[in-house]
Amino acid sequence: MLGVASRFATAPKSNPLAALQCITRNFGSQGSLAAGTRSSPVAAPAVASLNPLGQEIQKRNAGVSTLGCAIALVAVGGCAQGMGSLFAALIVGMARNPAERENLFTYTLIGVGFVELLAIVVIVFAVVLLSAE
């Protein structure tokens, strides 16, 4: 058992992952936990797929969903530009024909409703993309 204690003494104390690598390297080369016995070889865990607590790391492609969310949110800028165009056309229309002011304003509000609906759908789509794995 003295050999096992000396193996633990060589493991670095500050970095748990380095300690795990040192322990698996020492035990994996001996074939078993005790230095004198050679019963069955101990399968050394793949250290690259373990976190410092010894649990398996699940691969998560969060960068792709974040990138998709950012690309989808570009459409919100297009919605803002569309609203600006709607109100610019309202002002030009009122300047050319002041008698149609009420009708132009009604049509502008209907257009703003459609643009807002598109913006809300884009934002919901972006949130779904962001939460997807």
Protein backbone atom coordinates (compact mmCIF):
# COMPACT_ATOMS: atom_id res chain seq x y z
CA MET A 1 0.00 0.00 0.00
CA LEU A 2 2.96 2.30 0.31
CA GLY A 3 3.16 2.48 -3.48
CA VAL A 4 -0.42 3.77 -3.71
CA ALA A 5 0.28 6.53 -1.19
CA SER A 6 3.37 7.62 -3.05
CA ARG A 7 1.36 7.86 -6.26
CA PHE A 8 -1.10 10.22 -4.58
CA ALA A 9 1.78 12.29 -3.23
CA THR A 10 3.05 12.99 -6.76
CA ALA A 11 -0.31 14.36 -7.93
CA PRO A 12 -0.43 18.18 -8.13
CA LYS A 13 -2.65 19.69 -5.43
CA SER A 14 -3.63 22.97 -7.10
CA ASN A 15 -5.14 21.68 -10.35
CA PRO A 16 -7.74 18.89 -9.93
CA LEU A 17 -7.66 17.97 -13.63
CA ALA A 18 -3.88 17.59 -13.56
CA ALA A 19 -4.23 15.47 -10.42
CA LEU A 20 -6.77 13.24 -12.16
CA GLN A 21 -4.44 12.87 -15.15
CA CYS A 22 -1.52 11.98 -12.89
CA ILE A 23 -3.55 9.40 -10.96
CA THR A 24 -4.99 7.76 -14.08
CA ARG A 25 -1.55 7.71 -15.69
CA ASN A 26 0.01 6.04 -12.63
CA PHE A 27 -2.81 3.54 -12.06
CA GLY A 28 -3.32 2.84 -15.74
CA SER A 29 0.32 1.86 -16.23
CA GLN A 30 0.28 -0.53 -13.24
CA GLY A 31 -2.83 -2.38 -14.36
CA SER A 32 -4.54 -2.43 -10.94
CA LEU A 33 -4.87 -0.35 -7.80
CA ALA A 34 -2.49 -2.38 -5.67
CA ALA A 35 1.13 -2.55 -6.76
CA GLY A 36 1.59 -6.27 -6.05
CA THR A 37 -1.56 -7.69 -7.65
CA ARG A 38 -2.15 -8.16 -11.37
CA SER A 39 -5.74 -9.43 -11.47
CA SER A 40 -7.63 -7.42 -14.07
CA PRO A 41 -6.50 -4.28 -15.83
CA VAL A 42 -8.23 -1.10 -14.73
CA ALA A 43 -9.68 0.83 -17.62
CA ALA A 44 -8.31 4.33 -17.40
CA PRO A 45 -11.07 6.87 -18.09
CA ALA A 46 -10.64 9.20 -21.02
CA VAL A 47 -9.40 12.30 -19.23
CA ALA A 48 -10.24 14.54 -22.18
CA SER A 49 -13.95 13.80 -21.76
CA LEU A 50 -14.07 14.34 -18.00
CA ASN A 51 -14.43 17.57 -16.10
CA PRO A 52 -12.56 18.14 -12.81
CA LEU A 53 -15.34 16.43 -10.85
CA GLY A 54 -15.06 13.26 -12.93
CA GLN A 55 -18.39 13.65 -14.73
CA GLU A 56 -18.69 13.29 -18.47
CA ILE A 57 -18.79 16.54 -20.42
CA GLN A 58 -21.72 16.87 -22.79
CA LYS A 59 -20.89 18.65 -26.00
CA ARG A 60 -23.15 21.67 -26.45
CA ASN A 61 -23.15 23.68 -29.66
CA ALA A 62 -24.18 26.95 -28.04
CA GLY A 63 -22.20 29.04 -30.48
CA VAL A 64 -24.30 27.93 -33.43
CA SER A 65 -27.61 28.78 -31.73
CA THR A 66 -26.25 32.16 -30.61
CA LEU A 67 -25.10 32.93 -34.12
CA GLY A 68 -28.50 31.94 -35.52
CA CYS A 69 -30.20 34.17 -32.94
CA ALA A 70 -28.01 37.12 -33.92
CA ILE A 71 -28.71 36.62 -37.61
CA ALA A 72 -32.45 36.43 -36.93
CA LEU A 73 -32.35 39.64 -34.91
CA VAL A 74 -31.01 41.53 -37.93
CA ALA A 75 -34.61 41.42 -39.17
CA VAL A 76 -35.66 43.59 -36.20
CA GLY A 77 -33.52 46.35 -37.69
CA GLY A 78 -35.40 45.88 -40.96
CA CYS A 79 -38.69 46.24 -39.07
CA ALA A 80 -37.49 49.51 -37.55
CA GLN A 81 -36.50 50.75 -40.99
CA GLY A 82 -39.94 49.77 -42.29
CA MET A 83 -41.64 51.81 -39.56
CA GLY A 84 -39.52 54.79 -40.45
CA SER A 85 -40.52 54.44 -44.09
CA LEU A 86 -44.20 54.19 -43.13
CA PHE A 87 -44.17 57.42 -41.12
CA ALA A 88 -42.07 59.20 -43.74
CA ALA A 89 -44.66 58.27 -46.36
CA LEU A 90 -47.42 59.48 -44.00
CA ILE A 91 -45.79 62.88 -43.66
CA VAL A 92 -45.21 63.18 -47.42
CA GLY A 93 -48.80 62.11 -48.11
CA MET A 94 -50.22 64.61 -45.62
CA ALA A 95 -48.09 67.36 -47.14
CA ARG A 96 -49.34 66.61 -50.65
CA ASN A 97 -53.02 66.11 -49.75
CA PRO A 98 -54.06 67.42 -46.33
CA ALA A 99 -57.71 66.43 -46.89
CA GLU A 100 -56.80 62.71 -46.81
CA ARG A 101 -55.09 63.00 -43.43
CA GLU A 102 -57.47 60.64 -41.56
CA ASN A 103 -57.37 57.90 -44.21
CA LEU A 104 -53.57 58.05 -44.49
CA PHE A 105 -53.19 57.80 -40.72
CA THR A 106 -55.51 54.76 -40.61
CA TYR A 107 -53.54 53.00 -43.32
CA THR A 108 -50.29 53.85 -41.55
CA LEU A 109 -51.52 52.30 -38.29
CA ILE A 110 -52.53 49.12 -40.16
CA GLY A 111 -49.04 49.00 -41.69
CA VAL A 112 -47.42 49.53 -38.28
CA GLY A 113 -49.46 46.61 -36.95
CA PHE A 114 -48.11 44.32 -39.67
CA VAL A 115 -44.53 45.46 -39.11
CA GLU A 116 -44.87 44.99 -35.33
CA LEU A 117 -46.28 41.50 -35.89
CA LEU A 118 -43.26 40.64 -38.01
CA ALA A 119 -40.90 42.02 -35.34
CA ILE A 120 -42.59 39.99 -32.59
CA VAL A 121 -42.42 36.80 -34.69
CA VAL A 122 -38.72 37.40 -35.35
CA ILE A 123 -38.00 37.96 -31.65
CA VAL A 124 -39.86 34.76 -30.67
CA PHE A 125 -37.97 32.86 -33.37
CA ALA A 126 -34.66 34.24 -32.06
CA VAL A 127 -35.49 33.20 -28.47
CA VAL A 128 -36.36 29.69 -29.67
CA LEU A 129 -33.04 29.53 -31.53
CA LEU A 130 -31.16 30.76 -28.48
CA SER A 131 -32.69 28.17 -26.19
CA ALA A 132 -32.21 25.29 -28.64
CA GLU A 133 -29.22 23.00 -28.27
